Amino acid sequence: RRKKDREAVTEDDCLRAISKLKVLGNGFEVITVGKKKLIRSVPTELNKDHNQILELAQGQGFVTLMDIWSSYRCPRNFVRRGS
């Protein structure tokens, strides 16, 4: 049963819990993209391109291929390929 007067989970609670997961390996990590903190849950490094796309998505929560192309002026086949 849940108590009605439980405290809300804070950002600090989440950051501390995620930091404790590091002993299990490379699964979870907190990264900062722009002004936001994100939880990375895959053991893959995000490169500069990934971070730029995440920053672009912060405004509306998603991006389209045209958003990426028009913002960064990279070749369209590069955007479609994702690398």
C-alpha atoms as a PDB file:
ATOM      1  CA  ARG A   1       0.000   0.000   0.000  1.00  0.00           C
ATOM      2  CA  ARG A   2       1.156   3.495  -0.756  1.00  0.00           C
ATOM      3  CA  LYS A   3       1.122   6.225   1.790  1.00  0.00           C
ATOM      4  CA  LYS A   4      -0.552   9.380   0.609  1.00  0.00           C
ATOM      5  CA  ASP A   5       1.995  11.618   2.312  1.00  0.00           C
ATOM      6  CA  ARG A   6       5.109  10.266   0.577  1.00  0.00           C
ATOM      7  CA  GLU A   7       7.637  12.820  -0.562  1.00  0.00           C
ATOM      8  CA  ALA A   8       8.133  13.490  -4.242  1.00  0.00           C
ATOM      9  CA  VAL A   9      11.228  12.071  -5.895  1.00  0.00           C
ATOM     10  CA  THR A  10      13.707  14.893  -6.515  1.00  0.00           C
ATOM     11  CA  GLU A  11      16.249  15.366  -9.263  1.00  0.00           C
ATOM     12  CA  ASP A  12      18.986  14.809  -6.697  1.00  0.00           C
ATOM     13  CA  ASP A  13      17.394  11.470  -5.711  1.00  0.00           C
ATOM     14  CA  CYS A  14      17.541  10.357  -9.347  1.00  0.00           C
ATOM     15  CA  LEU A  15      21.124  11.525  -9.842  1.00  0.00           C
ATOM     16  CA  ARG A  16      22.302   9.688  -6.732  1.00  0.00           C
ATOM     17  CA  ALA A  17      20.458   6.493  -7.689  1.00  0.00           C
ATOM     18  CA  ILE A  18      21.944   6.527 -11.195  1.00  0.00           C
ATOM     19  CA  SER A  19      25.443   7.144  -9.845  1.00  0.00           C
ATOM     20  CA  LYS A  20      25.066   4.024  -7.680  1.00  0.00           C
ATOM     21  CA  LEU A  21      24.251   1.952 -10.776  1.00  0.00           C
ATOM     22  CA  LYS A  22      27.737   2.617 -12.187  1.00  0.00           C
ATOM     23  CA  VAL A  23      29.107  -0.235 -10.077  1.00  0.00           C
ATOM     24  CA  LEU A  24      27.142  -2.581 -12.356  1.00  0.00           C
ATOM     25  CA  GLY A  25      28.865  -1.363 -15.521  1.00  0.00           C
ATOM     26  CA  ASN A  26      28.322   1.085 -18.369  1.00  0.00           C
ATOM     27  CA  GLY A  27      24.538   0.912 -18.497  1.00  0.00           C
ATOM     28  CA  PHE A  28      23.287   4.217 -17.081  1.00  0.00           C
ATOM     29  CA  GLU A  29      24.850   7.656 -17.032  1.00  0.00           C
ATOM     30  CA  VAL A  30      23.663  11.240 -16.691  1.00  0.00           C
ATOM     31  CA  ILE A  31      24.785  13.494 -19.521  1.00  0.00           C
ATOM     32  CA  THR A  32      24.172  17.198 -20.039  1.00  0.00           C
ATOM     33  CA  VAL A  33      22.908  18.288 -23.441  1.00  0.00           C
ATOM     34  CA  GLY A  34      22.348  22.003 -23.763  1.00  0.00           C
ATOM     35  CA  LYS A  35      20.627  23.056 -20.557  1.00  0.00           C
ATOM     36  CA  LYS A  36      19.049  19.661 -19.832  1.00  0.00           C
ATOM     37  CA  LYS A  37      20.260  16.536 -18.092  1.00  0.00           C
ATOM     38  CA  LEU A  38      19.475  13.271 -19.846  1.00  0.00           C
ATOM     39  CA  ILE A  39      19.816   9.688 -18.731  1.00  0.00           C
ATOM     40  CA  ARG A  40      21.796   7.612 -21.199  1.00  0.00           C
ATOM     41  CA  SER A  41      20.773   3.986 -20.835  1.00  0.00           C
ATOM     42  CA  VAL A  42      22.867   2.382 -23.552  1.00  0.00           C
ATOM     43  CA  PRO A  43      26.606   1.733 -23.324  1.00  0.00           C
ATOM     44  CA  THR A  44      27.429   3.826 -26.390  1.00  0.00           C
ATOM     45  CA  GLU A  45      29.253   7.132 -26.500  1.00  0.00           C
ATOM     46  CA  LEU A  46      27.234   9.953 -27.985  1.00  0.00           C
ATOM     47  CA  ASN A  47      29.241  11.924 -30.508  1.00  0.00           C
ATOM     48  CA  LYS A  48      28.968  15.614 -31.384  1.00  0.00           C
ATOM     49  CA  ASP A  49      26.307  14.908 -34.041  1.00  0.00           C
ATOM     50  CA  HIS A  50      24.128  12.978 -31.593  1.00  0.00           C
ATOM     51  CA  ASN A  51      24.369  15.779 -29.033  1.00  0.00           C
ATOM     52  CA  GLN A  52      23.450  18.433 -31.617  1.00  0.00           C
ATOM     53  CA  ILE A  53      20.350  16.477 -32.616  1.00  0.00           C
ATOM     54  CA  LEU A  54      19.323  16.029 -28.974  1.00  0.00           C
ATOM     55  CA  GLU A  55      19.701  19.778 -28.424  1.00  0.00           C
ATOM     56  CA  LEU A  56      17.599  20.451 -31.514  1.00  0.00           C
ATOM     57  CA  ALA A  57      14.887  18.101 -30.214  1.00  0.00           C
ATOM     58  CA  GLN A  58      14.625  19.905 -26.860  1.00  0.00           C
ATOM     59  CA  GLY A  59      12.344  22.584 -28.268  1.00  0.00           C
ATOM     60  CA  GLN A  60       9.495  20.403 -29.529  1.00  0.00           C
ATOM     61  CA  GLY A  61      10.449  16.952 -28.259  1.00  0.00           C
ATOM     62  CA  PHE A  62      11.297  15.523 -31.685  1.00  0.00           C
ATOM     63  CA  VAL A  63      13.154  16.341 -34.895  1.00  0.00           C
ATOM     64  CA  THR A  64      12.569  15.591 -38.545  1.00  0.00           C
ATOM     65  CA  LEU A  65      15.134  14.938 -41.245  1.00  0.00           C
ATOM     66  CA  MET A  66      14.382  18.391 -42.648  1.00  0.00           C
ATOM     67  CA  ASP A  67      14.988  19.982 -39.219  1.00  0.00           C
ATOM     68  CA  ILE A  68      18.416  18.378 -39.045  1.00  0.00           C
ATOM     69  CA  TRP A  69      19.296  19.213 -42.617  1.00  0.00           C
ATOM     70  CA  SER A  70      18.199  22.839 -42.421  1.00  0.00           C
ATOM     71  CA  SER A  71      19.844  23.443 -39.031  1.00  0.00           C
ATOM     72  CA  TYR A  72      23.202  21.867 -39.761  1.00  0.00           C
ATOM     73  CA  ARG A  73      23.426  22.012 -43.572  1.00  0.00           C
ATOM     74  CA  CYS A  74      24.864  18.527 -43.771  1.00  0.00           C
ATOM     75  CA  PRO A  75      24.334  16.356 -46.852  1.00  0.00           C
ATOM     76  CA  ARG A  76      20.897  14.761 -46.955  1.00  0.00           C
ATOM     77  CA  ASN A  77      22.284  11.253 -47.413  1.00  0.00           C
ATOM     78  CA  PHE A  78      24.382  11.826 -44.272  1.00  0.00           C
ATOM     79  CA  VAL A  79      21.226  12.657 -42.298  1.00  0.00           C
ATOM     80  CA  ARG A  80      19.314   9.656 -43.637  1.00  0.00           C
ATOM     81  CA  ARG A  81      22.204   7.321 -42.890  1.00  0.00           C
ATOM     82  CA  GLY A  82      22.439   8.609 -39.340  1.00  0.00           C
ATOM     83  CA  SER A  83      26.217   8.842 -39.319  1.00  0.00           C
END
